[in-house]
Amino acid sequence: MSIQAEEKTANTIGSNEGTVHLERLDDRTIAVLTLDDPIRANAMSPTMGDIFTSHIRSIQNDPVLRAVIIRGAGKDISIGGHRDMLIRLGSGELGGEKELHDFMMKFYNRWLPMLDLPVPVISALQGDCIGVAPVFALASDIAIADETLNLQVTFANLALYPGMALPGLLMRKVGQTRTTLLAIAGETVNGREAERLGLVERCVPAGKAFDEALRIARNIAAAGPDTVRLLKKNIGLKKEDLFAELEQNGIQQGKDFQTEEYRKRIANYLPNNYA
């Protein structure tokens, strides 16, 4: 049966900084969260993060839920932090080190509620996955990429320490030397290379990441629900495991945003059509 023919319920909340759609498939057992601001390559703004969190909270305690898929509309999963936000963080208008730290802690906590879900989370990755967006590969339970994936952790290029616990998440998934390659050298990797490095669990042909994620979600939905939830509880990443690193990230980023080096680099970070 085609996805179009399946019964689904859609709940959409929109804003001028991006929309996130929530769809329920297969008698509501599978939830699909779609970052939907393709004009800006699904740039991650605080507003989009608030919508994302709202949807997570709306499904978190649903006993029917069996699996969640996160994807991006258009050709990209996300180019990471919204350019306007990144420029503003370096402008001084948000305050000093404490205010910048607090802003970033709130930003992290808009996206990391995905870790609170009691069922497996599958990310479907395609196109650009830049800056902070690799969190979708690293914090999900299963990451599927297609051959168009263009993943890069760009923080060091901006003279900015990574946030969202990305260094620790990278270490957990790919080890020290590959974390150095990605987080310090800023190496760009495609889908096949991401699979080889262990950043994603599988790479599929272009345009097929969501289809593969849905196939896996249906396998999960067919399994014993109590067993799946217990396995997720016992082997899944927990948000409390990241608290100390997130705090350290927020402190360091609060310092880095105030440097002239950061302001100089962020001014030329992204094309204007992403702003």
Protein backbone atom coordinates (compact mmCIF):
# COMPACT_ATOMS: atom_id res chain seq x y z
CA MET A 1 0.00 0.00 0.00
CA SER A 2 1.36 3.42 -0.88
CA ILE A 3 1.99 6.05 1.77
CA GLN A 4 -0.57 8.28 0.05
CA ALA A 5 -3.22 5.60 0.44
CA GLU A 6 -2.54 4.99 4.10
CA GLU A 7 -4.70 6.51 6.78
CA LYS A 8 -2.82 9.31 8.51
CA THR A 9 -3.53 12.23 10.78
CA ALA A 10 -1.57 15.45 10.29
CA ASN A 11 -1.00 18.17 12.82
CA THR A 12 0.82 21.24 11.56
CA ILE A 13 2.06 24.28 13.42
CA GLY A 14 3.63 26.99 11.26
CA SER A 15 5.75 30.09 11.65
CA ASN A 16 7.75 32.38 9.44
CA GLU A 17 10.89 30.65 10.71
CA GLY A 18 9.94 27.19 9.58
CA THR A 19 7.32 24.57 10.09
CA VAL A 20 7.44 21.09 11.58
CA HIS A 21 4.79 18.60 10.50
CA LEU A 22 3.66 15.62 12.54
CA GLU A 23 2.03 12.72 10.70
CA ARG A 24 0.76 9.44 12.09
CA LEU A 25 0.91 6.33 9.88
CA ASP A 26 -0.23 2.72 10.17
CA ASP A 27 -3.08 3.19 12.65
CA ARG A 28 -1.00 5.84 14.47
CA THR A 29 1.74 3.38 15.45
CA ILE A 30 4.40 5.34 13.54
CA ALA A 31 4.97 9.08 13.92
CA VAL A 32 6.81 11.07 11.26
CA LEU A 33 8.29 14.46 12.18
CA THR A 34 9.26 16.54 9.14
CA LEU A 35 11.33 19.71 9.34
CA ASP A 36 9.61 21.73 6.64
CA ASP A 37 11.40 24.94 5.67
CA PRO A 38 13.08 23.85 2.43
CA ILE A 39 13.62 27.43 1.20
CA ARG A 40 16.09 27.85 4.06
CA ALA A 41 17.25 24.24 3.86
CA ASN A 42 15.42 23.48 7.13
CA ALA A 43 17.62 25.80 9.18
CA MET A 44 17.12 25.17 12.90
CA SER A 45 15.72 28.27 14.64
CA PRO A 46 14.41 28.59 18.21
CA THR A 47 10.89 28.83 16.79
CA MET A 48 11.27 25.61 14.81
CA GLY A 49 12.73 23.98 17.93
CA ASP A 50 9.71 25.00 19.99
CA ILE A 51 7.40 23.40 17.43
CA PHE A 52 9.57 20.27 17.35
CA THR A 53 9.41 19.99 21.15
CA SER A 54 5.65 20.54 21.15
CA HIS A 55 5.16 17.64 18.77
CA ILE A 56 7.48 15.37 20.77
CA ARG A 57 5.52 16.11 23.94
CA SER A 58 2.21 15.44 22.16
CA ILE A 59 3.22 11.87 21.27
CA GLN A 60 5.55 11.01 24.14
CA ASN A 61 2.97 9.27 26.34
CA ASP A 62 0.86 7.75 23.57
CA PRO A 63 0.60 3.99 24.30
CA VAL A 64 -0.16 3.27 20.63
CA LEU A 65 3.17 4.71 19.46
CA ARG A 66 5.77 2.17 18.28
CA ALA A 67 8.42 4.17 16.38
CA VAL A 68 9.27 7.74 15.31
CA ILE A 69 10.93 8.92 12.09
CA ILE A 70 12.61 12.33 11.76
CA ARG A 71 13.24 13.72 8.27
CA GLY A 72 13.60 16.99 6.35
CA ALA A 73 11.42 18.36 3.56
CA GLY A 74 13.07 19.08 0.23
CA LYS A 75 16.56 17.97 -0.67
CA ASP A 76 18.23 18.55 2.75
CA ILE A 77 17.73 17.33 6.29
CA SER A 78 19.07 20.67 7.68
CA ILE A 79 21.92 23.13 7.30
CA GLY A 80 22.02 23.54 11.09
CA GLY A 81 21.56 26.71 13.12
CA HIS A 82 19.60 29.51 11.47
CA ARG A 83 22.00 32.13 10.08
CA ASP A 84 20.09 35.07 11.60
CA MET A 85 20.35 33.42 15.02
CA LEU A 86 24.07 32.76 14.64
CA ILE A 87 24.79 36.35 13.61
CA ARG A 88 22.69 37.71 16.45
CA LEU A 89 24.56 35.55 18.95
CA GLY A 90 27.76 37.32 17.98
CA SER A 91 26.25 40.81 17.93
CA GLY A 92 26.22 41.47 21.66
CA GLU A 93 22.52 42.28 21.72
CA LEU A 94 21.64 39.13 23.68
CA GLY A 95 23.88 40.11 26.59
CA GLY A 96 27.07 38.71 28.03
CA GLU A 97 28.47 35.29 28.78
CA LYS A 98 25.69 34.17 31.14
CA GLU A 99 22.88 35.26 28.82
CA LEU A 100 24.53 33.56 25.85
CA HIS A 101 25.03 30.39 27.90
CA ASP A 102 21.37 30.43 28.92
CA PHE A 103 20.22 30.99 25.33
CA MET A 104 22.22 28.01 24.10
CA MET A 105 21.05 25.71 26.89
CA LYS A 106 17.46 26.51 25.89
CA PHE A 107 18.34 25.91 22.24
CA TYR A 108 19.83 22.47 22.99
CA ASN A 109 16.76 21.56 25.03
CA ARG A 110 14.45 22.36 22.14
CA TRP A 111 15.88 19.48 20.08
CA LEU A 112 17.02 16.91 22.63
CA PRO A 113 13.52 15.93 23.83
CA MET A 114 13.79 13.33 21.05
CA LEU A 115 15.76 11.41 23.70
CA ASP A 116 12.69 11.36 25.96
CA LEU A 117 10.69 9.24 23.55
CA PRO A 118 10.11 5.72 24.91
CA VAL A 119 10.23 4.12 21.45
CA PRO A 120 13.01 3.93 18.84
CA VAL A 121 13.76 7.08 16.84
CA ILE A 122 14.93 6.66 13.24
CA SER A 123 16.48 9.54 11.31
CA ALA A 124 16.18 9.71 7.51
CA LEU A 125 19.07 11.86 6.29
CA GLN A 126 19.59 13.37 2.86
CA GLY A 127 21.43 16.33 1.36
CA ASP A 128 23.06 18.88 3.65
CA CYS A 129 23.45 17.88 7.28
CA ILE A 130 25.66 20.67 8.54
CA GLY A 131 26.70 22.37 11.78
CA VAL A 132 24.46 21.17 14.61
CA ALA A 133 22.21 19.09 12.31
CA PRO A 134 24.36 15.92 12.69
CA VAL A 135 22.62 15.60 16.08
CA PHE A 136 19.87 13.82 14.13
CA ALA A 137 22.38 11.16 13.08
CA LEU A 138 23.99 10.92 16.51
CA ALA A 139 21.07 11.13 18.95
CA SER A 140 18.63 8.91 17.08
CA ASP A 141 18.54 5.18 17.71
CA ILE A 142 18.97 4.33 14.02
CA ALA A 143 20.30 6.67 11.32
CA ILE A 144 19.61 6.00 7.65
CA ALA A 145 21.28 8.12 4.95
CA ASP A 146 21.00 8.24 1.21
CA GLU A 147 23.85 8.81 -1.22
CA THR A 148 23.20 12.57 -1.39
CA LEU A 149 24.14 13.11 2.27
CA ASN A 150 26.62 15.95 2.76
CA LEU A 151 27.50 15.88 6.46
CA GLN A 152 29.91 18.35 8.06
CA VAL A 153 30.49 19.54 11.63
CA THR A 154 31.44 23.16 10.94
CA PHE A 155 31.92 24.63 14.42
CA ALA A 156 35.73 24.75 14.43
CA ASN A 157 35.63 26.58 11.09
CA LEU A 158 33.61 29.27 12.87
CA ALA A 159 36.01 29.50 15.84
CA LEU A 160 33.13 28.14 17.93
CA TYR A 161 33.22 25.15 20.25
CA PRO A 162 30.56 22.59 19.23
CA GLY A 163 27.26 22.56 21.08
CA MET A 164 24.45 20.01 21.56
CA ALA A 165 27.01 17.60 23.09
CA LEU A 166 28.24 16.82 19.57
CA PRO A 167 31.84 16.00 20.61
CA GLY A 168 30.67 13.39 23.12
CA LEU A 169 28.01 12.03 20.79
CA LEU A 170 30.60 11.68 18.02
CA MET A 171 33.02 9.93 20.39
CA ARG A 172 30.26 7.53 21.45
CA LYS A 173 29.45 6.62 17.89
CA VAL A 174 32.70 6.72 15.91
CA GLY A 175 35.57 6.92 18.42
CA GLN A 176 38.38 9.40 19.09
CA THR A 177 40.26 9.49 15.79
CA ARG A 178 37.17 9.78 13.64
CA THR A 179 35.79 12.46 15.97
CA THR A 180 39.03 14.37 15.38
CA LEU A 181 38.55 14.01 11.63
CA LEU A 182 34.99 15.31 11.81
CA ALA A 183 34.97 17.85 14.66
CA ILE A 184 38.44 19.35 14.33
CA ALA A 185 39.41 18.82 10.69
CA GLY A 186 35.83 19.52 9.61
CA GLU A 187 35.88 16.70 7.08
CA THR A 188 32.83 16.51 4.81
CA VAL A 189 31.41 13.02 4.29
CA ASN A 190 28.79 11.63 1.92
CA GLY A 191 26.33 8.87 2.67
CA ARG A 192 28.58 5.97 1.74
CA GLU A 193 31.48 7.39 3.76
CA ALA A 194 29.16 8.07 6.70
CA GLU A 195 28.15 4.42 6.63
CA ARG A 196 31.79 3.31 6.51
CA LEU A 197 32.71 5.54 9.45
CA GLY A 198 29.76 4.35 11.51
CA LEU A 199 27.96 7.71 11.56
CA VAL A 200 24.89 6.08 10.03
CA GLU A 201 23.72 2.50 10.16
CA ARG A 202 22.91 2.24 6.47
CA CYS A 203 23.25 4.18 3.22
CA VAL A 204 20.68 3.66 0.46
CA PRO A 205 20.27 5.05 -3.08
CA ALA A 206 19.32 8.71 -3.51
CA GLY A 207 15.75 9.45 -2.52
CA LYS A 208 15.27 6.20 -0.60
CA ALA A 209 16.22 7.17 2.99
CA PHE A 210 12.63 7.69 4.15
CA ASP A 211 11.43 4.48 2.47
CA GLU A 212 14.12 2.52 4.30
CA ALA A 213 13.37 4.28 7.60
CA LEU A 214 9.67 3.45 7.17
CA ARG A 215 10.48 -0.20 6.44
CA ILE A 216 12.51 -0.42 9.65
CA ALA A 217 9.81 1.41 11.64
CA ARG A 218 7.24 -1.13 10.45
CA ASN A 219 9.49 -3.99 11.56
CA ILE A 220 9.70 -2.35 14.98
CA ALA A 221 5.94 -1.79 15.07
CA ALA A 222 5.38 -5.50 14.39
CA ALA A 223 7.53 -6.53 17.37
CA GLY A 224 6.29 -6.94 20.93
CA PRO A 225 5.62 -3.39 22.15
CA ASP A 226 6.55 -3.95 25.79
CA THR A 227 9.80 -5.66 24.78
CA VAL A 228 10.67 -2.83 22.38
CA ARG A 229 10.09 -0.20 25.04
CA LEU A 230 12.16 -2.10 27.60
CA LEU A 231 15.01 -2.53 25.11
CA LYS A 232 14.85 1.20 24.27
CA LYS A 233 14.98 2.03 27.99
CA ASN A 234 17.98 -0.23 28.60
CA ILE A 235 20.12 0.45 25.53
CA GLY A 236 19.00 3.87 24.27
CA LEU A 237 20.89 7.12 24.86
CA LYS A 238 19.52 9.07 27.84
CA LYS A 239 19.40 12.86 28.06
CA GLU A 240 20.79 12.82 31.60
CA ASP A 241 23.97 11.25 30.20
CA LEU A 242 24.58 14.53 28.35
CA PHE A 243 23.86 17.07 31.12
CA ALA A 244 27.47 17.74 32.13
CA GLU A 245 28.71 18.09 28.55
CA LEU A 246 25.80 20.32 27.55
CA GLU A 247 26.60 22.66 30.43
CA GLN A 248 30.26 22.79 29.41
CA ASN A 249 29.24 23.44 25.78
CA GLY A 250 26.99 26.31 26.85
CA ILE A 251 29.72 27.93 28.95
CA GLN A 252 32.32 27.73 26.20
CA GLN A 253 29.98 28.89 23.46
CA GLY A 254 28.99 31.84 25.65
CA LYS A 255 32.64 32.88 25.54
CA ASP A 256 33.23 32.12 21.87
CA PHE A 257 30.26 34.15 20.62
CA GLN A 258 31.89 37.28 22.02
CA THR A 259 35.14 36.96 20.08
CA GLU A 260 36.04 39.00 17.03
CA GLU A 261 37.21 35.83 15.32
CA TYR A 262 33.73 34.31 15.56
CA ARG A 263 32.02 37.49 14.32
CA LYS A 264 34.34 37.68 11.35
CA ARG A 265 33.79 34.07 10.36
CA ILE A 266 30.03 33.90 10.87
CA ALA A 267 29.51 36.92 8.61
CA ASN A 268 30.57 34.73 5.66
CA TYR A 269 29.22 31.39 6.88
CA LEU A 270 26.13 30.74 4.74
CA PRO A 271 24.68 32.03 1.50
CA ASN A 272 22.13 34.82 1.89
CA ASN A 273 19.29 32.69 0.56
CA TYR A 274 19.57 30.56 3.73
CA ALA A 275 19.04 33.56 6.01
